[in-house]
Amino acid sequence: MTEPALLSISMLAVFALALGGGWILTKRSEKKQGVLMLIAAAVLLANILIWAWP
């Protein structure tokens, strides 16, 4: 795969993790899992920013 495709798929994963983590924190009682999903989204976003840095 090319780099732009990988960055796009990674951004979709960031959105999915962030939305899922937020939903779990607000609607369910599994706070630890929600927080871990948000942390994973933040780490993946940081990786994307590093890859895309000119």
C-alpha atoms as a PDB file:
ATOM      1  CA  MET A   1       0.000   0.000   0.000  1.00  0.00           C
ATOM      2  CA  THR A   2       1.023   3.553  -0.496  1.00  0.00           C
ATOM      3  CA  GLU A   3       1.631   6.005   2.310  1.00  0.00           C
ATOM      4  CA  PRO A   4      -1.501   8.162   1.732  1.00  0.00           C
ATOM      5  CA  ALA A   5      -3.694   5.069   1.901  1.00  0.00           C
ATOM      6  CA  LEU A   6      -2.125   3.994   5.183  1.00  0.00           C
ATOM      7  CA  LEU A   7      -2.571   7.474   6.643  1.00  0.00           C
ATOM      8  CA  SER A   8      -6.230   7.496   5.589  1.00  0.00           C
ATOM      9  CA  ILE A   9      -6.919   4.096   7.125  1.00  0.00           C
ATOM     10  CA  SER A  10      -5.120   5.161  10.289  1.00  0.00           C
ATOM     11  CA  MET A  11      -7.243   8.314  10.555  1.00  0.00           C
ATOM     12  CA  LEU A  12     -10.394   6.217  10.191  1.00  0.00           C
ATOM     13  CA  ALA A  13      -9.117   4.047  13.045  1.00  0.00           C
ATOM     14  CA  VAL A  14      -8.492   7.163  15.170  1.00  0.00           C
ATOM     15  CA  PHE A  15     -12.074   8.329  14.625  1.00  0.00           C
ATOM     16  CA  ALA A  16     -13.458   4.875  15.389  1.00  0.00           C
ATOM     17  CA  LEU A  17     -11.392   4.548  18.567  1.00  0.00           C
ATOM     18  CA  ALA A  18     -12.286   8.041  19.759  1.00  0.00           C
ATOM     19  CA  LEU A  19     -16.009   7.619  19.092  1.00  0.00           C
ATOM     20  CA  GLY A  20     -16.072   4.138  20.595  1.00  0.00           C
ATOM     21  CA  GLY A  21     -14.101   5.183  23.654  1.00  0.00           C
ATOM     22  CA  GLY A  22     -16.347   8.198  24.217  1.00  0.00           C
ATOM     23  CA  TRP A  23     -19.453   6.064  23.822  1.00  0.00           C
ATOM     24  CA  ILE A  24     -18.177   3.472  26.278  1.00  0.00           C
ATOM     25  CA  LEU A  25     -17.313   6.180  28.823  1.00  0.00           C
ATOM     26  CA  THR A  26     -20.753   7.775  28.626  1.00  0.00           C
ATOM     27  CA  LYS A  27     -23.110   4.826  28.096  1.00  0.00           C
ATOM     28  CA  ARG A  28     -21.476   1.866  29.823  1.00  0.00           C
ATOM     29  CA  SER A  29     -19.787   1.181  33.122  1.00  0.00           C
ATOM     30  CA  GLU A  30     -16.490  -0.041  31.637  1.00  0.00           C
ATOM     31  CA  LYS A  31     -14.484   3.127  32.248  1.00  0.00           C
ATOM     32  CA  LYS A  32     -11.075   1.469  31.957  1.00  0.00           C
ATOM     33  CA  GLN A  33     -11.783   0.149  28.459  1.00  0.00           C
ATOM     34  CA  GLY A  34     -13.077   3.557  27.315  1.00  0.00           C
ATOM     35  CA  VAL A  35     -10.015   5.360  28.642  1.00  0.00           C
ATOM     36  CA  LEU A  36      -7.688   2.841  27.016  1.00  0.00           C
ATOM     37  CA  MET A  37      -9.443   3.314  23.670  1.00  0.00           C
ATOM     38  CA  LEU A  38      -9.019   7.092  23.941  1.00  0.00           C
ATOM     39  CA  ILE A  39      -5.336   6.665  24.800  1.00  0.00           C
ATOM     40  CA  ALA A  40      -4.887   4.348  21.807  1.00  0.00           C
ATOM     41  CA  ALA A  41      -6.540   6.965  19.574  1.00  0.00           C
ATOM     42  CA  ALA A  42      -4.179   9.653  20.887  1.00  0.00           C
ATOM     43  CA  VAL A  43      -1.095   7.475  20.323  1.00  0.00           C
ATOM     44  CA  LEU A  44      -2.190   6.586  16.799  1.00  0.00           C
ATOM     45  CA  LEU A  45      -2.883  10.254  16.039  1.00  0.00           C
ATOM     46  CA  ALA A  46       0.608  11.162  17.272  1.00  0.00           C
ATOM     47  CA  ASN A  47       2.064   8.491  14.962  1.00  0.00           C
ATOM     48  CA  ILE A  48       0.110   9.885  12.026  1.00  0.00           C
ATOM     49  CA  LEU A  49       1.399  13.382  12.734  1.00  0.00           C
ATOM     50  CA  ILE A  50       4.978  12.061  12.856  1.00  0.00           C
ATOM     51  CA  TRP A  51       4.556  10.170   9.552  1.00  0.00           C
ATOM     52  CA  ALA A  52       2.995  13.163   7.804  1.00  0.00           C
ATOM     53  CA  TRP A  53       5.557  15.692   9.041  1.00  0.00           C
ATOM     54  CA  PRO A  54       7.234  17.221   5.979  1.00  0.00           C
END
